[in-house]
Amino acid sequence: MPHDSGSRHVVILAPMPLEMNAIVTAFGLSPISEVKGAVWTGRVGNSDVTAIHIGMGPPLTRAATLRLFDETVPGSVPVEHVMIAGICGGLDADLEVGTLINPEIVIEHASGATYRHTPPGDAPQAGKLITTEGVSLDLELSRRFLNDGCLGVDMESSAVAEVCEAQGCRWSVYRCIGDRHFDGLLDERIVALTNPDGSGNPAEIERLIAGEPELVAKLERLSHDTARAARLAAEAAVRGCLALDA
C-alpha cells in the first residue's frame, strides 16, 4: 500500500460492493492495480486513505481487520485509524431510512461485549448499534434490541471494535439505515440472494422475479434505499476523516 510516512494512515472497510463503490466515490480513491479485489487509495486532508472490500459478517471482518496489523504481510504499513462504513438495519419506527446512526455504544450480540464509540469530530451521538452473526428477520428479537436502546443492527462493527481495541488502534463506524424490518421489504428469499461478499446472485434474482413479478417493485426500492444509505454513510466517513485533522 503506498503510504507517505509523514501522514497518518486511515483504513476504511467496506463489507459490500455497493458500500465500496460509495466509499471510492466519496473519498475520491483510485485502485492501486487493475486486479479484481484490489485495494483503493487516496488522500483526504492529512490522511492517506486505504479502502478494502472485506465481505459480510463477523468472521470475515475479524480476519480482514487482523490482517491490517500483520507486519508479515508484504507492503504493510502502520494503521492509525480504522473506519467501517455502510448500511444497517433500522430498529426504531421514528428513524427513517436514510438516517445516519452515530452510536455511543457498539454491542456484539453473540457475546454481549460492549465497546464505547469515540469517533473523531463533534457529530451528536445517541443510542447503541448491535452486531449480529447474520441477517435476522425475528421480529421479537428486533423488539428486544430496540427495548435495550439499540437503534440499528449490522454484521461487522463490533468485530472491528474488538480487534482494534486489542491492538490499541482507534476506530469508528459510519452506518446509515438502508432498510427496516417492519417495512416488509425483506424476507428469507431475498436475504438468500446475497453472497458472502455482499454481491447479489443475478441468476437467482431473475428466477425469483420470473415466478413473482410483483417483487420487482420491492427490489427496486431496496436497491434505491441501500445505495442512498451507503452514499450517506461514506460521506459521513469523509467528514470523520477530515475531523482527524482538527
C-alpha atoms as a PDB file:
ATOM      1  CA  MET A   1       0.000   0.000   0.000  1.00  0.00           C
ATOM      2  CA  PRO A   2       1.543   3.337  -0.995  1.00  0.00           C
ATOM      3  CA  HIS A   3       1.947   5.474   2.090  1.00  0.00           C
ATOM      4  CA  ASP A   4       3.529   8.808   2.932  1.00  0.00           C
ATOM      5  CA  SER A   5       5.491   8.222   6.133  1.00  0.00           C
ATOM      6  CA  GLY A   6       4.702  11.800   7.203  1.00  0.00           C
ATOM      7  CA  SER A   7       0.927  11.224   7.158  1.00  0.00           C
ATOM      8  CA  ARG A   8      -1.474   9.220   9.269  1.00  0.00           C
ATOM      9  CA  HIS A   9      -2.809   6.076   7.662  1.00  0.00           C
ATOM     10  CA  VAL A  10      -6.567   5.551   7.767  1.00  0.00           C
ATOM     11  CA  VAL A  11      -8.112   2.297   6.554  1.00  0.00           C
ATOM     12  CA  ILE A  12     -11.804   2.157   5.697  1.00  0.00           C
ATOM     13  CA  LEU A  13     -13.523  -1.204   5.411  1.00  0.00           C
ATOM     14  CA  ALA A  14     -16.477  -1.932   3.132  1.00  0.00           C
ATOM     15  CA  PRO A  15     -18.485  -5.133   3.697  1.00  0.00           C
ATOM     16  CA  MET A  16     -20.448  -4.991   0.408  1.00  0.00           C
ATOM     17  CA  PRO A  17     -19.577  -3.909  -3.152  1.00  0.00           C
ATOM     18  CA  LEU A  18     -22.234  -1.158  -3.110  1.00  0.00           C
ATOM     19  CA  GLU A  19     -20.604   0.227   0.057  1.00  0.00           C
ATOM     20  CA  MET A  20     -17.166   0.007  -1.527  1.00  0.00           C
ATOM     21  CA  ASN A  21     -18.422   1.906  -4.567  1.00  0.00           C
ATOM     22  CA  ALA A  22     -19.859   4.628  -2.330  1.00  0.00           C
ATOM     23  CA  ILE A  23     -16.599   4.907  -0.369  1.00  0.00           C
ATOM     24  CA  VAL A  24     -14.461   5.107  -3.508  1.00  0.00           C
ATOM     25  CA  THR A  25     -16.644   7.910  -4.850  1.00  0.00           C
ATOM     26  CA  ALA A  26     -16.939   9.878  -1.605  1.00  0.00           C
ATOM     27  CA  PHE A  27     -13.206   9.683  -0.812  1.00  0.00           C
ATOM     28  CA  GLY A  28     -12.078  10.131  -4.429  1.00  0.00           C
ATOM     29  CA  LEU A  29      -9.935   6.992  -4.365  1.00  0.00           C
ATOM     30  CA  SER A  30      -8.036   5.193  -7.124  1.00  0.00           C
ATOM     31  CA  PRO A  31      -7.176   1.477  -7.463  1.00  0.00           C
ATOM     32  CA  ILE A  32      -3.543   0.548  -6.994  1.00  0.00           C
ATOM     33  CA  SER A  33      -3.889  -2.145  -9.681  1.00  0.00           C
ATOM     34  CA  GLU A  34      -6.410  -3.415 -12.232  1.00  0.00           C
ATOM     35  CA  VAL A  35      -6.715  -6.752 -10.463  1.00  0.00           C
ATOM     36  CA  LYS A  36     -10.210  -7.590  -9.223  1.00  0.00           C
ATOM     37  CA  GLY A  37     -10.461  -7.020  -5.490  1.00  0.00           C
ATOM     38  CA  ALA A  38      -7.538  -4.585  -5.398  1.00  0.00           C
ATOM     39  CA  VAL A  39      -7.427  -2.019  -2.631  1.00  0.00           C
ATOM     40  CA  TRP A  40      -8.128   1.627  -3.386  1.00  0.00           C
ATOM     41  CA  THR A  41      -6.082   4.524  -2.089  1.00  0.00           C
ATOM     42  CA  GLY A  42      -6.130   8.298  -1.919  1.00  0.00           C
ATOM     43  CA  ARG A  43      -5.680  11.247   0.374  1.00  0.00           C
ATOM     44  CA  VAL A  44      -8.203  13.170   2.465  1.00  0.00           C
ATOM     45  CA  GLY A  45      -6.924  16.106   4.466  1.00  0.00           C
ATOM     46  CA  ASN A  46      -3.720  14.974   6.166  1.00  0.00           C
ATOM     47  CA  SER A  47      -4.603  11.287   5.942  1.00  0.00           C
ATOM     48  CA  ASP A  48      -3.506   8.632   3.499  1.00  0.00           C
ATOM     49  CA  VAL A  49      -6.604   6.502   2.993  1.00  0.00           C
ATOM     50  CA  THR A  50      -6.838   2.851   2.006  1.00  0.00           C
ATOM     51  CA  ALA A  51     -10.222   1.239   1.285  1.00  0.00           C
ATOM     52  CA  ILE A  52     -10.720  -2.523   1.320  1.00  0.00           C
ATOM     53  CA  HIS A  53     -13.740  -4.679   0.438  1.00  0.00           C
ATOM     54  CA  ILE A  54     -13.978  -7.328   3.173  1.00  0.00           C
ATOM     55  CA  GLY A  55     -17.258  -9.235   2.757  1.00  0.00           C
ATOM     56  CA  MET A  56     -20.042  -9.584   5.296  1.00  0.00           C
ATOM     57  CA  GLY A  57     -20.238 -10.903   8.839  1.00  0.00           C
ATOM     58  CA  PRO A  58     -18.050 -11.016  11.962  1.00  0.00           C
ATOM     59  CA  PRO A  59     -15.620 -13.805  10.871  1.00  0.00           C
ATOM     60  CA  LEU A  60     -14.639 -12.114   7.597  1.00  0.00           C
ATOM     61  CA  THR A  61     -14.447  -8.750   9.363  1.00  0.00           C
ATOM     62  CA  ARG A  62     -12.209 -10.029  12.148  1.00  0.00           C
ATOM     63  CA  ALA A  63      -9.888 -11.690   9.645  1.00  0.00           C
ATOM     64  CA  ALA A  64      -9.653  -8.577   7.454  1.00  0.00           C
ATOM     65  CA  THR A  65      -9.080  -6.269  10.427  1.00  0.00           C
ATOM     66  CA  LEU A  66      -6.427  -8.533  11.911  1.00  0.00           C
ATOM     67  CA  ARG A  67      -4.546  -8.512   8.589  1.00  0.00           C
ATOM     68  CA  LEU A  68      -4.181  -4.739   8.905  1.00  0.00           C
ATOM     69  CA  PHE A  69      -1.907  -5.281  11.911  1.00  0.00           C
ATOM     70  CA  ASP A  70       0.038  -8.237  10.499  1.00  0.00           C
ATOM     71  CA  GLU A  71       3.539  -6.909   9.873  1.00  0.00           C
ATOM     72  CA  THR A  72       4.424 -10.020   7.854  1.00  0.00           C
ATOM     73  CA  VAL A  73       2.002  -9.023   5.076  1.00  0.00           C
ATOM     74  CA  PRO A  74       4.025  -7.617   2.145  1.00  0.00           C
ATOM     75  CA  GLY A  75       3.708  -3.831   1.906  1.00  0.00           C
ATOM     76  CA  SER A  76       2.000  -3.476   5.283  1.00  0.00           C
ATOM     77  CA  VAL A  77       2.259  -0.079   6.964  1.00  0.00           C
ATOM     78  CA  PRO A  78       1.148   1.095  10.422  1.00  0.00           C
ATOM     79  CA  VAL A  79      -2.546   1.952  10.737  1.00  0.00           C
ATOM     80  CA  GLU A  80      -3.608   4.876  12.934  1.00  0.00           C
ATOM     81  CA  HIS A  81      -7.381   4.650  12.498  1.00  0.00           C
ATOM     82  CA  VAL A  82      -9.800   2.051  11.153  1.00  0.00           C
ATOM     83  CA  MET A  83     -13.244   3.005   9.863  1.00  0.00           C
ATOM     84  CA  ILE A  84     -16.127   0.907   8.634  1.00  0.00           C
ATOM     85  CA  ALA A  85     -18.892   2.478   6.574  1.00  0.00           C
ATOM     86  CA  GLY A  86     -22.115   1.193   5.103  1.00  0.00           C
ATOM     87  CA  ILE A  87     -25.732   0.344   5.672  1.00  0.00           C
ATOM     88  CA  CYS A  88     -27.517  -1.002   8.718  1.00  0.00           C
ATOM     89  CA  GLY A  89     -30.998  -2.196   9.563  1.00  0.00           C
ATOM     90  CA  GLY A  90     -33.197   0.273  11.399  1.00  0.00           C
ATOM     91  CA  LEU A  91     -34.980  -0.773  14.596  1.00  0.00           C
ATOM     92  CA  ASP A  92     -36.878   2.402  15.563  1.00  0.00           C
ATOM     93  CA  ALA A  93     -40.001   3.341  13.594  1.00  0.00           C
ATOM     94  CA  ASP A  94     -39.261   7.012  14.293  1.00  0.00           C
ATOM     95  CA  LEU A  95     -35.960   6.816  12.378  1.00  0.00           C
ATOM     96  CA  GLU A  96     -36.481   6.912   8.625  1.00  0.00           C
ATOM     97  CA  VAL A  97     -34.499   5.054   6.011  1.00  0.00           C
ATOM     98  CA  GLY A  98     -31.524   7.302   5.241  1.00  0.00           C
ATOM     99  CA  THR A  99     -30.930   8.255   8.897  1.00  0.00           C
ATOM    100  CA  LEU A 100     -27.297   8.216   9.979  1.00  0.00           C
ATOM    101  CA  ILE A 101     -26.589   6.235  13.154  1.00  0.00           C
ATOM    102  CA  ASN A 102     -23.740   7.569  15.305  1.00  0.00           C
ATOM    103  CA  PRO A 103     -23.910   5.261  18.327  1.00  0.00           C
ATOM    104  CA  GLU A 104     -22.451   5.775  21.756  1.00  0.00           C
ATOM    105  CA  ILE A 105     -22.056   2.021  22.237  1.00  0.00           C
ATOM    106  CA  VAL A 106     -21.396  -0.877  19.849  1.00  0.00           C
ATOM    107  CA  ILE A 107     -22.518  -4.322  21.055  1.00  0.00           C
ATOM    108  CA  GLU A 108     -21.594  -7.826  19.934  1.00  0.00           C
ATOM    109  CA  HIS A 109     -24.809  -9.805  20.209  1.00  0.00           C
ATOM    110  CA  ALA A 110     -23.146 -13.243  20.392  1.00  0.00           C
ATOM    111  CA  SER A 111     -21.059 -12.467  23.489  1.00  0.00           C
ATOM    112  CA  GLY A 112     -22.679  -9.345  24.905  1.00  0.00           C
ATOM    113  CA  ALA A 113     -19.345  -7.486  24.719  1.00  0.00           C
ATOM    114  CA  THR A 114     -19.721  -3.706  24.539  1.00  0.00           C
ATOM    115  CA  TYR A 115     -17.415  -1.064  23.076  1.00  0.00           C
ATOM    116  CA  ARG A 116     -17.612   2.685  23.634  1.00  0.00           C
ATOM    117  CA  HIS A 117     -17.632   4.519  20.325  1.00  0.00           C
ATOM    118  CA  THR A 118     -15.459   7.655  20.272  1.00  0.00           C
ATOM    119  CA  PRO A 119     -15.422   8.843  16.647  1.00  0.00           C
ATOM    120  CA  PRO A 120     -13.495  11.920  15.546  1.00  0.00           C
ATOM    121  CA  GLY A 121     -15.450  15.169  15.298  1.00  0.00           C
ATOM    122  CA  ASP A 122     -18.370  16.546  17.236  1.00  0.00           C
ATOM    123  CA  ALA A 123     -21.381  14.963  15.496  1.00  0.00           C
ATOM    124  CA  PRO A 124     -24.092  14.121  18.057  1.00  0.00           C
ATOM    125  CA  GLN A 125     -24.058  10.532  19.319  1.00  0.00           C
ATOM    126  CA  ALA A 126     -27.071   8.557  20.508  1.00  0.00           C
ATOM    127  CA  GLY A 127     -28.096   5.010  21.296  1.00  0.00           C
ATOM    128  CA  LYS A 128     -26.474   1.706  20.530  1.00  0.00           C
ATOM    129  CA  LEU A 129     -25.580  -0.298  17.425  1.00  0.00           C
ATOM    130  CA  ILE A 130     -25.708  -4.090  17.709  1.00  0.00           C
ATOM    131  CA  THR A 131     -23.755  -6.540  15.564  1.00  0.00           C
ATOM    132  CA  THR A 132     -25.235  -9.973  14.827  1.00  0.00           C
ATOM    133  CA  GLU A 133     -23.769 -13.069  13.184  1.00  0.00           C
ATOM    134  CA  GLY A 134     -26.226 -12.940  10.274  1.00  0.00           C
ATOM    135  CA  VAL A 135     -29.361 -11.268   8.967  1.00  0.00           C
ATOM    136  CA  SER A 136     -32.239 -11.869  11.347  1.00  0.00           C
ATOM    137  CA  LEU A 137     -35.893 -11.372  10.476  1.00  0.00           C
ATOM    138  CA  ASP A 138     -37.010 -12.311  14.001  1.00  0.00           C
ATOM    139  CA  LEU A 139     -39.452  -9.558  14.951  1.00  0.00           C
ATOM    140  CA  GLU A 140     -39.357 -10.361  18.667  1.00  0.00           C
ATOM    141  CA  LEU A 141     -35.562 -10.219  18.712  1.00  0.00           C
ATOM    142  CA  SER A 142     -35.643  -6.866  16.930  1.00  0.00           C
ATOM    143  CA  ARG A 143     -38.080  -5.538  19.524  1.00  0.00           C
ATOM    144  CA  ARG A 144     -35.747  -6.674  22.314  1.00  0.00           C
ATOM    145  CA  PHE A 145     -32.845  -4.904  20.646  1.00  0.00           C
ATOM    146  CA  LEU A 146     -34.890  -1.690  20.479  1.00  0.00           C
ATOM    147  CA  ASN A 147     -36.013  -2.029  24.096  1.00  0.00           C
ATOM    148  CA  ASP A 148     -32.335  -2.329  25.057  1.00  0.00           C
ATOM    149  CA  GLY A 149     -31.594   1.010  23.369  1.00  0.00           C
ATOM    150  CA  CYS A 150     -30.318  -0.252  20.023  1.00  0.00           C
ATOM    151  CA  LEU A 151     -31.196   1.961  17.052  1.00  0.00           C
ATOM    152  CA  GLY A 152     -29.577  -0.134  14.331  1.00  0.00           C
ATOM    153  CA  VAL A 153     -28.214  -3.598  13.599  1.00  0.00           C
ATOM    154  CA  ASP A 154     -25.320  -4.654  11.368  1.00  0.00           C
ATOM    155  CA  MET A 155     -22.976  -7.623  10.965  1.00  0.00           C
ATOM    156  CA  GLU A 156     -19.490  -6.115  11.231  1.00  0.00           C
ATOM    157  CA  SER A 157     -18.963  -3.140  13.540  1.00  0.00           C
ATOM    158  CA  SER A 158     -18.331  -4.957  16.817  1.00  0.00           C
ATOM    159  CA  ALA A 159     -15.701  -7.151  15.133  1.00  0.00           C
ATOM    160  CA  VAL A 160     -13.807  -4.019  14.055  1.00  0.00           C
ATOM    161  CA  ALA A 161     -14.053  -2.632  17.591  1.00  0.00           C
ATOM    162  CA  GLU A 162     -12.900  -5.932  19.122  1.00  0.00           C
ATOM    163  CA  VAL A 163      -9.747  -6.222  17.003  1.00  0.00           C
ATOM    164  CA  CYS A 164      -8.826  -2.525  17.058  1.00  0.00           C
ATOM    165  CA  GLU A 165      -9.160  -2.218  20.822  1.00  0.00           C
ATOM    166  CA  ALA A 166      -6.948  -5.282  21.273  1.00  0.00           C
ATOM    167  CA  GLN A 167      -4.369  -3.614  19.022  1.00  0.00           C
ATOM    168  CA  GLY A 168      -4.650  -0.184  20.670  1.00  0.00           C
ATOM    169  CA  CYS A 169      -5.872   1.383  17.421  1.00  0.00           C
ATOM    170  CA  ARG A 170      -8.616   3.999  17.168  1.00  0.00           C
ATOM    171  CA  TRP A 171     -11.753   3.002  15.262  1.00  0.00           C
ATOM    172  CA  SER A 172     -15.068   4.491  14.215  1.00  0.00           C
ATOM    173  CA  VAL A 173     -18.235   3.333  12.476  1.00  0.00           C
ATOM    174  CA  TYR A 174     -20.422   5.129   9.942  1.00  0.00           C
ATOM    175  CA  ARG A 175     -23.775   3.480   9.424  1.00  0.00           C
ATOM    176  CA  CYS A 176     -26.937   4.670   7.717  1.00  0.00           C
ATOM    177  CA  ILE A 177     -30.303   2.939   7.808  1.00  0.00           C
ATOM    178  CA  GLY A 178     -30.852   1.162   4.486  1.00  0.00           C
ATOM    179  CA  ASP A 179     -33.902  -0.888   5.447  1.00  0.00           C
ATOM    180  CA  ARG A 180     -36.239  -1.525   8.382  1.00  0.00           C
ATOM    181  CA  HIS A 181     -37.622  -4.962   9.221  1.00  0.00           C
ATOM    182  CA  PHE A 182     -41.151  -3.656   9.791  1.00  0.00           C
ATOM    183  CA  ASP A 183     -41.383  -2.149   6.289  1.00  0.00           C
ATOM    184  CA  GLY A 184     -41.842  -5.644   4.846  1.00  0.00           C
ATOM    185  CA  LEU A 185     -39.314  -5.348   2.019  1.00  0.00           C
ATOM    186  CA  LEU A 186     -37.043  -8.162   3.194  1.00  0.00           C
ATOM    187  CA  ASP A 187     -37.851 -11.841   3.519  1.00  0.00           C
ATOM    188  CA  GLU A 188     -35.769 -15.005   3.735  1.00  0.00           C
ATOM    189  CA  ARG A 189     -35.761 -15.478  -0.045  1.00  0.00           C
ATOM    190  CA  ILE A 190     -34.380 -12.006  -0.704  1.00  0.00           C
ATOM    191  CA  VAL A 191     -31.765 -12.347   2.037  1.00  0.00           C
ATOM    192  CA  ALA A 192     -30.661 -15.630   0.459  1.00  0.00           C
ATOM    193  CA  LEU A 193     -29.916 -13.810  -2.817  1.00  0.00           C
ATOM    194  CA  THR A 194     -26.875 -12.137  -1.236  1.00  0.00           C
ATOM    195  CA  ASN A 195     -23.470 -13.831  -1.481  1.00  0.00           C
ATOM    196  CA  PRO A 196     -20.985 -13.759   1.456  1.00  0.00           C
ATOM    197  CA  ASP A 197     -19.029 -10.961  -0.253  1.00  0.00           C
ATOM    198  CA  GLY A 198     -22.171  -8.815  -0.306  1.00  0.00           C
ATOM    199  CA  SER A 199     -22.812  -9.159  -4.029  1.00  0.00           C
ATOM    200  CA  GLY A 200     -26.121 -10.335  -5.452  1.00  0.00           C
ATOM    201  CA  ASN A 201     -26.868 -13.562  -7.298  1.00  0.00           C
ATOM    202  CA  PRO A 202     -28.216 -12.395 -10.680  1.00  0.00           C
ATOM    203  CA  ALA A 203     -29.385 -15.821 -11.862  1.00  0.00           C
ATOM    204  CA  GLU A 204     -31.364 -16.462  -8.678  1.00  0.00           C
ATOM    205  CA  ILE A 205     -32.778 -12.937  -8.713  1.00  0.00           C
ATOM    206  CA  GLU A 206     -34.059 -13.457 -12.261  1.00  0.00           C
ATOM    207  CA  ARG A 207     -35.539 -16.836 -11.327  1.00  0.00           C
ATOM    208  CA  LEU A 208     -37.330 -15.367  -8.317  1.00  0.00           C
ATOM    209  CA  ILE A 209     -38.718 -12.447 -10.285  1.00  0.00           C
ATOM    210  CA  ALA A 210     -39.902 -14.749 -13.077  1.00  0.00           C
ATOM    211  CA  GLY A 211     -42.094 -16.563 -10.572  1.00  0.00           C
ATOM    212  CA  GLU A 212     -43.168 -13.439  -8.668  1.00  0.00           C
ATOM    213  CA  PRO A 213     -43.080 -10.330 -10.880  1.00  0.00           C
ATOM    214  CA  GLU A 214     -44.519  -8.255  -8.029  1.00  0.00           C
ATOM    215  CA  LEU A 215     -41.139  -8.494  -6.290  1.00  0.00           C
ATOM    216  CA  VAL A 216     -39.634  -6.095  -8.826  1.00  0.00           C
ATOM    217  CA  ALA A 217     -41.036  -3.052  -7.015  1.00  0.00           C
ATOM    218  CA  LYS A 218     -39.656  -4.272  -3.653  1.00  0.00           C
ATOM    219  CA  LEU A 219     -36.219  -4.985  -5.080  1.00  0.00           C
ATOM    220  CA  GLU A 220     -36.074  -1.621  -6.854  1.00  0.00           C
ATOM    221  CA  ARG A 221     -36.959   0.210  -3.635  1.00  0.00           C
ATOM    222  CA  LEU A 222     -34.372  -1.784  -1.657  1.00  0.00           C
ATOM    223  CA  SER A 223     -31.738  -1.051  -4.288  1.00  0.00           C
ATOM    224  CA  HIS A 224     -32.512   2.676  -4.228  1.00  0.00           C
ATOM    225  CA  ASP A 225     -32.634   2.889  -0.418  1.00  0.00           C
ATOM    226  CA  THR A 226     -29.464   0.905   0.216  1.00  0.00           C
ATOM    227  CA  ALA A 227     -27.465   2.780  -2.430  1.00  0.00           C
ATOM    228  CA  ARG A 228     -28.542   6.098  -0.892  1.00  0.00           C
ATOM    229  CA  ALA A 229     -27.732   4.886   2.619  1.00  0.00           C
ATOM    230  CA  ALA A 230     -24.298   3.666   1.514  1.00  0.00           C
ATOM    231  CA  ARG A 231     -23.580   7.061  -0.046  1.00  0.00           C
ATOM    232  CA  LEU A 232     -24.614   8.951   3.093  1.00  0.00           C
ATOM    233  CA  ALA A 233     -22.529   6.650   5.308  1.00  0.00           C
ATOM    234  CA  ALA A 234     -19.473   7.116   3.084  1.00  0.00           C
ATOM    235  CA  GLU A 235     -19.893  10.891   3.120  1.00  0.00           C
ATOM    236  CA  ALA A 236     -20.096  10.783   6.928  1.00  0.00           C
ATOM    237  CA  ALA A 237     -16.851   8.793   6.970  1.00  0.00           C
ATOM    238  CA  VAL A 238     -15.171  11.501   4.880  1.00  0.00           C
ATOM    239  CA  ARG A 239     -16.248  14.085   7.459  1.00  0.00           C
ATOM    240  CA  GLY A 240     -14.855  11.844  10.171  1.00  0.00           C
ATOM    241  CA  CYS A 241     -11.556  11.531   8.318  1.00  0.00           C
ATOM    242  CA  LEU A 242     -11.288  15.320   7.964  1.00  0.00           C
ATOM    243  CA  ALA A 243     -12.101  15.707  11.672  1.00  0.00           C
ATOM    244  CA  LEU A 244      -8.900  13.799  12.475  1.00  0.00           C
ATOM    245  CA  ASP A 245      -7.031  16.936  11.368  1.00  0.00           C
ATOM    246  CA  ALA A 246      -8.755  19.153  13.923  1.00  0.00           C
END
